[in-house]
Amino acid sequence: MAFQDIVEQTVTGLGYDLVEIERSAGGLLRITIDLPWKPGQQQFVNVEDCEKVTRQLQFALEVEGAEYKRLEVSSPGIDRPLRSEQDFERFSGELVDITLKAPMGAAAAGQVAANRKKFRGQLSRGEGAGWQITWSDEPEAKPGQKVSAKRVPPPLQVLGFTLDELKDARLAPIVDFKGRKPRQLGES
C-alpha cells in the first residue's frame, strides 16, 4: 500500500480530515489534521486529537514497514493552507493570503502593479465557479490613532480567480487573544 494511502486511510478512519503530509530531511514525518467541517460549527483540533492520531499512525506505519524517524501530528494552525473547494467554502468571509501562479500583467489595467502575485483580502464567492478577494491598499489605522469622521473611506479593490490560478492560499494569521472572528473590511 502506498505511503500516502496508509496515512489518509488512518486519519479519515479516525474521523479527521487530512490537510497535509510533509516529509523532511532527517526522517521527520509531519502530518496535519483537522476536524471535518460542518456549516455553522467551528471546531478546533486539540492535543488529545493529535495524540490519538499519532498512536494509530505509529501502529499502521510499523505494520506496513514505512521508513521514518520521527512522527509529528498537528493542527493546521492560524495560517491554515486552503487547498480544496470545500476549504474555500468553509473559510468564505475570512481574511486570506493568496499567491497567484502568474503575475497580474496587463489584466490589472493599472489598478495594481503588473508583476504583483501576492494579495491579502476578504474571501468570497465570485462569479460562476470562481472566487474573489476584496481588499484596500490603504494601511490600517494604528491603535490609538484618531481617524477623522470626514475622511473618505479608501477604495476597495476586487480580484477574481479560480483555484487553478493559485500557487498558494492560506488563512491570514491574525493573532487575537479573544478568539478568531471574521473581520469586515474597514474595521480597525
Protein backbone atom coordinates (compact mmCIF):
# COMPACT_ATOMS: atom_id res chain seq x y z
CA MET A 1 0.00 0.00 0.00
CA ALA A 2 1.31 3.49 -0.86
CA PHE A 3 2.59 5.63 1.99
CA GLN A 4 0.07 8.43 1.40
CA ASP A 5 -2.81 5.92 1.27
CA ILE A 6 -1.82 4.47 4.68
CA VAL A 7 -1.80 7.92 6.27
CA GLU A 8 -5.02 9.03 4.58
CA GLN A 9 -6.95 5.87 5.48
CA THR A 10 -5.77 6.03 9.10
CA VAL A 11 -6.62 9.72 9.55
CA THR A 12 -10.02 9.57 7.83
CA GLY A 13 -10.81 6.28 9.58
CA LEU A 14 -10.49 8.09 12.91
CA GLY A 15 -12.91 10.79 11.71
CA TYR A 16 -10.45 13.58 10.82
CA ASP A 17 -9.56 15.36 7.58
CA LEU A 18 -6.01 15.06 6.26
CA VAL A 19 -4.75 18.56 5.47
CA GLU A 20 -1.11 17.94 4.63
CA ILE A 21 1.66 15.33 4.63
CA GLU A 22 5.23 16.60 4.75
CA ARG A 23 8.43 14.53 4.75
CA SER A 24 11.59 16.41 5.67
CA ALA A 25 15.27 15.61 5.73
CA GLY A 26 16.34 13.62 8.75
CA GLY A 27 13.31 11.32 8.65
CA LEU A 28 10.72 13.76 10.05
CA LEU A 29 7.17 12.93 9.02
CA ARG A 30 4.76 15.81 9.67
CA ILE A 31 1.00 15.15 9.37
CA THR A 32 -1.52 17.98 9.63
CA ILE A 33 -5.11 17.08 10.56
CA ASP A 34 -8.35 18.96 11.01
CA LEU A 35 -11.86 18.16 12.17
CA PRO A 36 -14.45 17.70 9.41
CA TRP A 37 -16.29 20.89 8.56
CA LYS A 38 -19.95 21.23 9.40
CA PRO A 39 -21.59 24.51 8.29
CA GLY A 40 -22.35 26.75 11.25
CA GLN A 41 -19.90 24.98 13.58
CA GLN A 42 -16.36 25.98 14.33
CA GLN A 43 -14.33 23.21 15.93
CA PHE A 44 -10.61 23.03 16.58
CA VAL A 45 -8.15 20.13 16.81
CA ASN A 46 -6.80 19.69 20.34
CA VAL A 47 -3.84 17.82 21.85
CA GLU A 48 -5.94 14.71 22.54
CA ASP A 49 -6.91 14.53 18.84
CA CYS A 50 -3.26 14.72 17.78
CA GLU A 51 -2.26 12.09 20.34
CA LYS A 52 -4.99 9.71 19.16
CA VAL A 53 -3.92 10.03 15.50
CA THR A 54 -0.22 9.72 16.42
CA ARG A 55 -0.77 6.44 18.26
CA GLN A 56 -2.80 4.94 15.43
CA LEU A 57 -0.38 6.15 12.74
CA GLN A 58 2.62 4.72 14.61
CA PHE A 59 0.93 1.33 14.65
CA ALA A 60 -0.21 1.48 10.99
CA LEU A 61 3.18 2.67 9.70
CA GLU A 62 5.02 0.00 11.68
CA VAL A 63 2.76 -2.76 10.29
CA GLU A 64 3.38 -1.51 6.73
CA GLY A 65 7.14 -1.11 7.33
CA ALA A 66 7.20 2.61 6.41
CA GLU A 67 10.51 4.41 6.95
CA TYR A 68 10.55 7.48 9.22
CA LYS A 69 12.48 8.54 12.33
CA ARG A 70 10.09 10.96 13.98
CA LEU A 71 6.35 11.46 13.62
CA GLU A 72 4.68 14.80 14.28
CA VAL A 73 0.88 15.23 14.13
CA SER A 74 -0.51 18.75 14.48
CA SER A 75 -3.43 21.05 13.78
CA PRO A 76 -3.35 23.35 10.72
CA GLY A 77 -2.67 26.44 12.87
CA ILE A 78 -3.70 30.05 12.34
CA ASP A 79 -2.23 30.19 8.83
CA ARG A 80 -4.05 27.07 7.61
CA PRO A 81 -3.46 26.20 3.96
CA LEU A 82 -6.53 26.28 1.70
CA ARG A 83 -6.42 23.62 -0.99
CA SER A 84 -9.86 22.29 -1.88
CA GLU A 85 -13.12 23.87 -2.93
CA GLN A 86 -14.51 22.82 0.47
CA ASP A 87 -11.73 24.76 2.26
CA PHE A 88 -12.65 27.91 0.33
CA GLU A 89 -16.35 27.38 1.09
CA ARG A 90 -15.57 26.85 4.78
CA PHE A 91 -13.48 30.00 5.11
CA SER A 92 -15.56 32.32 2.94
CA GLY A 93 -15.68 35.73 4.67
CA GLU A 94 -12.26 35.26 6.31
CA LEU A 95 -9.09 37.22 5.64
CA VAL A 96 -6.79 35.17 3.37
CA ASP A 97 -3.37 35.46 1.74
CA ILE A 98 -3.16 34.20 -1.83
CA THR A 99 -0.27 33.86 -4.27
CA LEU A 100 -1.03 33.57 -7.96
CA LYS A 101 0.96 31.33 -10.30
CA ALA A 102 1.42 34.19 -12.76
CA PRO A 103 1.54 37.98 -12.15
CA MET A 104 -1.46 40.14 -12.95
CA GLY A 105 0.17 41.65 -16.03
CA ALA A 106 -1.96 43.84 -18.28
CA ALA A 107 -5.19 42.38 -16.86
CA ALA A 108 -4.87 44.70 -13.87
CA ALA A 109 -5.34 47.75 -16.15
CA GLY A 110 -3.07 49.84 -13.92
CA GLN A 111 -5.08 49.13 -10.75
CA VAL A 112 -2.19 47.15 -9.20
CA ALA A 113 1.44 46.60 -10.15
CA ALA A 114 1.66 44.41 -13.27
CA ASN A 115 4.11 41.98 -11.63
CA ARG A 116 2.13 41.55 -8.40
CA LYS A 117 1.30 37.98 -7.38
CA LYS A 118 0.50 38.23 -3.64
CA PHE A 119 -2.72 39.59 -2.21
CA ARG A 120 -4.41 39.72 1.21
CA GLY A 121 -8.14 40.27 1.36
CA GLN A 122 -11.52 39.00 2.41
CA LEU A 123 -12.52 35.81 0.61
CA SER A 124 -15.94 35.50 -1.00
CA ARG A 125 -17.69 33.57 -3.78
CA GLY A 126 -17.15 35.20 -7.17
CA GLU A 127 -18.91 34.96 -10.49
CA GLY A 128 -19.71 31.44 -11.68
CA ALA A 129 -17.33 28.81 -10.31
CA GLY A 130 -14.71 31.36 -9.24
CA TRP A 131 -13.72 33.10 -6.04
CA GLN A 132 -12.71 36.64 -5.22
CA ILE A 133 -10.90 38.62 -2.57
CA THR A 134 -11.66 42.22 -1.64
CA TRP A 135 -9.02 44.49 -0.16
CA SER A 136 -7.84 48.05 0.27
CA ASP A 137 -4.21 49.06 -0.18
CA GLU A 138 -4.50 51.82 2.42
CA PRO A 139 -2.76 50.86 5.69
CA GLU A 140 -4.94 50.29 8.75
CA ALA A 141 -5.07 52.96 11.43
CA LYS A 142 -2.66 52.32 14.28
CA PRO A 143 -4.10 51.55 17.73
CA GLY A 144 -5.00 54.81 19.44
CA GLN A 145 -4.75 56.84 16.23
CA LYS A 146 -7.65 59.22 15.71
CA VAL A 147 -9.44 58.90 12.40
CA SER A 148 -11.49 61.81 11.14
CA ALA A 149 -15.20 61.16 10.66
CA LYS A 150 -14.97 63.27 7.49
CA ARG A 151 -12.30 61.00 5.99
CA VAL A 152 -13.37 59.36 2.76
CA PRO A 153 -13.08 55.58 3.06
CA PRO A 154 -10.36 54.11 0.85
CA PRO A 155 -11.48 52.47 -2.39
CA LEU A 156 -11.93 48.71 -2.26
CA GLN A 157 -10.37 46.52 -4.93
CA VAL A 158 -11.61 43.11 -6.03
CA LEU A 159 -9.67 40.28 -7.63
CA GLY A 160 -11.50 37.32 -9.13
CA PHE A 161 -9.68 34.00 -9.51
CA THR A 162 -10.13 30.26 -9.90
CA LEU A 163 -8.36 27.58 -7.87
CA ASP A 164 -6.29 26.65 -10.95
CA GLU A 165 -4.69 30.12 -10.97
CA LEU A 166 -3.41 29.80 -7.38
CA LYS A 167 0.06 28.79 -6.33
CA ASP A 168 -0.75 29.07 -2.61
CA ALA A 169 -3.66 30.14 -0.42
CA ARG A 170 -3.72 30.38 3.39
CA LEU A 171 -5.75 31.96 6.14
CA ALA A 172 -4.12 35.24 7.10
CA PRO A 173 -2.51 34.76 10.52
CA ILE A 174 -4.44 37.06 12.85
CA VAL A 175 -3.38 36.96 16.47
CA ASP A 176 -6.34 37.86 18.63
CA PHE A 177 -6.26 36.51 22.15
CA LYS A 178 -10.05 36.86 22.39
CA GLY A 179 -10.63 34.34 19.56
CA ARG A 180 -10.66 34.40 15.77
CA LYS A 181 -13.64 36.26 14.35
CA PRO A 182 -14.35 37.14 10.73
CA ARG A 183 -13.19 40.69 10.07
CA GLN A 184 -15.14 43.09 7.96
CA LEU A 185 -13.18 45.32 5.61
CA GLY A 186 -12.70 48.76 7.01
CA GLU A 187 -12.69 47.51 10.63
CA SER A 188 -9.80 48.62 12.80
